[in-house]
Protein backbone atom coordinates (compact mmCIF):
# COMPACT_ATOMS: atom_id res chain seq x y z
CA MET A 1 -123.85 -21.48 174.59
CA LYS A 2 -122.51 -23.91 176.21
CA HIS A 3 -120.47 -27.06 174.94
CA LEU A 4 -121.44 -30.57 175.80
CA PHE A 5 -120.28 -33.91 174.50
CA PRO A 6 -122.85 -36.58 174.16
CA THR A 7 -121.31 -39.32 176.48
CA SER A 8 -123.04 -41.10 179.27
CA ASP A 9 -121.09 -40.25 181.95
CA GLU A 10 -121.93 -37.39 184.60
CA GLN A 11 -121.34 -33.40 183.42
CA THR A 12 -120.91 -30.55 185.41
CA ILE A 13 -121.84 -27.23 183.87
CA LYS A 14 -121.32 -23.70 185.77
CA ILE A 15 -123.49 -20.54 185.42
CA ILE A 16 -123.50 -17.59 186.72
CA PRO A 17 -127.87 -16.95 187.58
CA ARG A 18 -130.03 -14.34 188.63
CA VAL A 19 -130.42 -15.87 192.26
CA TYR A 20 -128.39 -18.33 193.16
CA THR A 21 -130.05 -21.77 195.21
CA THR A 22 -129.68 -25.27 195.06
CA SER A 23 -132.58 -25.43 194.99
CA ILE A 24 -132.83 -26.64 191.06
CA VAL A 25 -134.78 -27.99 187.94
CA LEU A 26 -133.45 -28.63 184.65
CA LYS A 27 -135.68 -28.44 181.59
CA LEU A 28 -133.61 -29.78 178.54
CA ARG A 29 -135.57 -28.78 174.80
CA ASP A 30 -134.82 -30.76 171.59
CA ASP A 31 -134.17 -27.86 168.73
CA SER A 32 -134.38 -30.80 166.30
CA SER A 33 -137.06 -32.98 168.32
CA ASN A 34 -139.36 -30.23 169.91
CA GLU A 35 -139.00 -32.60 173.03
CA ILE A 36 -138.43 -31.37 176.22
CA VAL A 37 -137.02 -33.46 179.13
CA SER A 38 -136.69 -32.38 182.82
CA ILE A 39 -134.43 -32.97 184.45
CA THR A 40 -133.75 -32.59 189.29
CA PRO A 41 -129.14 -32.30 188.98
CA THR A 42 -126.78 -31.54 191.95
CA SER A 43 -125.75 -28.64 192.70
CA SER A 44 -123.54 -26.62 195.01
CA ILE A 45 -122.10 -23.19 195.11
CA VAL A 46 -118.49 -22.20 194.27
CA LYS A 47 -116.71 -20.03 194.02
CA GLY A 48 -119.21 -17.25 192.72
CA TYR A 49 -121.17 -19.85 190.22
CA LEU A 50 -123.58 -22.72 190.45
CA GLU A 51 -122.18 -26.10 189.32
CA ILE A 52 -125.25 -28.42 187.83
CA THR A 53 -124.04 -32.03 187.58
CA SER A 54 -126.79 -34.88 185.76
CA VAL A 55 -126.18 -37.57 183.57
CA PHE A 56 -127.41 -35.73 179.83
CA ASP A 57 -129.14 -37.44 176.96
CA PHE A 58 -128.00 -36.18 174.54
CA LYS A 59 -127.43 -36.01 170.88
CA GLU A 60 -124.19 -35.56 168.43
CA GLY A 61 -124.28 -32.36 166.84
CA ARG A 62 -127.32 -31.34 167.63
CA PHE A 63 -128.78 -27.67 170.18
CA TYR A 64 -130.88 -27.63 172.98
CA ASP A 65 -132.30 -24.33 175.41
CA LEU A 66 -132.01 -24.25 178.72
CA LYS A 67 -134.31 -23.53 180.75
CA VAL A 68 -133.00 -23.13 184.51
CA ILE A 69 -136.04 -22.32 187.24
CA ASP A 70 -136.34 -22.27 191.33
CA THR A 71 -138.08 -24.52 192.12
CA THR A 72 -138.99 -22.63 195.66
CA ASN A 73 -140.45 -19.59 193.91
CA ASP A 74 -140.98 -20.97 189.88
CA GLN A 75 -138.78 -18.47 188.30
CA ILE A 76 -136.72 -19.29 185.30
CA ILE A 77 -132.36 -17.80 186.86
CA TYR A 78 -130.52 -18.57 183.55
CA ARG A 79 -130.65 -19.21 179.91
CA ASP A 80 -128.79 -20.16 177.61
CA LYS A 81 -127.81 -23.11 174.16
CA ILE A 82 -126.34 -25.99 175.21
CA PHE A 83 -124.79 -27.91 171.79
CA CYS A 84 -123.04 -31.49 171.88
CA THR A 85 -120.53 -32.71 169.93
CA ALA A 86 -117.68 -35.01 170.60
CA GLN A 87 -115.15 -32.99 168.45
CA LEU A 88 -112.98 -31.27 171.57
CA THR A 89 -113.10 -27.34 171.57
CA SER A 90 -110.59 -25.10 173.24
CA GLN A 91 -109.96 -21.57 171.87
CA ALA A 92 -106.93 -21.08 173.79
CA ASN A 93 -105.52 -24.07 171.68
CA ASN A 94 -107.21 -22.33 168.28
CA GLU A 95 -109.83 -25.51 168.09
CA TYR A 96 -113.08 -24.87 167.02
CA TYR A 97 -115.46 -27.08 165.58
CA SER A 98 -115.87 -28.29 162.21
CA VAL A 99 -118.40 -29.26 159.57
CA ASN A 100 -116.86 -30.75 157.55
CA LYS A 101 -114.01 -32.63 160.41
CA ASP A 102 -112.80 -35.81 159.45
CA GLU A 103 -115.04 -35.02 156.21
CA TYR A 104 -113.55 -32.62 153.87
CA LYS A 105 -109.76 -34.03 152.31
CA PRO A 106 -107.46 -31.89 150.79
CA LYS A 107 -106.97 -32.18 147.14
CA SER A 108 -102.86 -31.44 147.05
CA GLY A 109 -101.23 -30.54 143.78
CA ASN A 110 -101.75 -27.79 141.35
CA ASN A 111 -104.18 -25.83 141.25
CA ASP A 112 -103.13 -23.68 138.04
CA PHE A 113 -105.58 -23.38 135.30
CA ILE A 114 -105.03 -22.69 131.87
CA ILE A 115 -107.51 -19.74 129.99
CA LEU A 116 -106.84 -20.10 126.32
CA TRP A 117 -107.52 -17.39 124.14
CA VAL A 118 -109.16 -18.04 120.36
CA ASN A 119 -109.07 -15.17 118.49
CA VAL A 120 -112.40 -15.56 114.87
């Protein structure tokens, strides 16, 4: 799964496709609205990766299906999922995505409780 930001700046995706070619088109399907968008990005092959650069119109908190299609023979050379969020994530720094980020504030204080037994 790829993680991209909801920005109007160019973003780069690095992939390892089935076939290395720079004549590609991206098919992006929004999982929420089922809308499909085609993008013709700039691409280059760098150190064993196909680097795809484009401006994506993603919305915060949504998932997208990604298909990379070789335009010379109309074959799918890569599939993946994209998640769009403005939260910074890094497994190396133990920073993970949280649905409740900045919304849930744990209450500090005493969490002890008392159990009363009543003999009748």
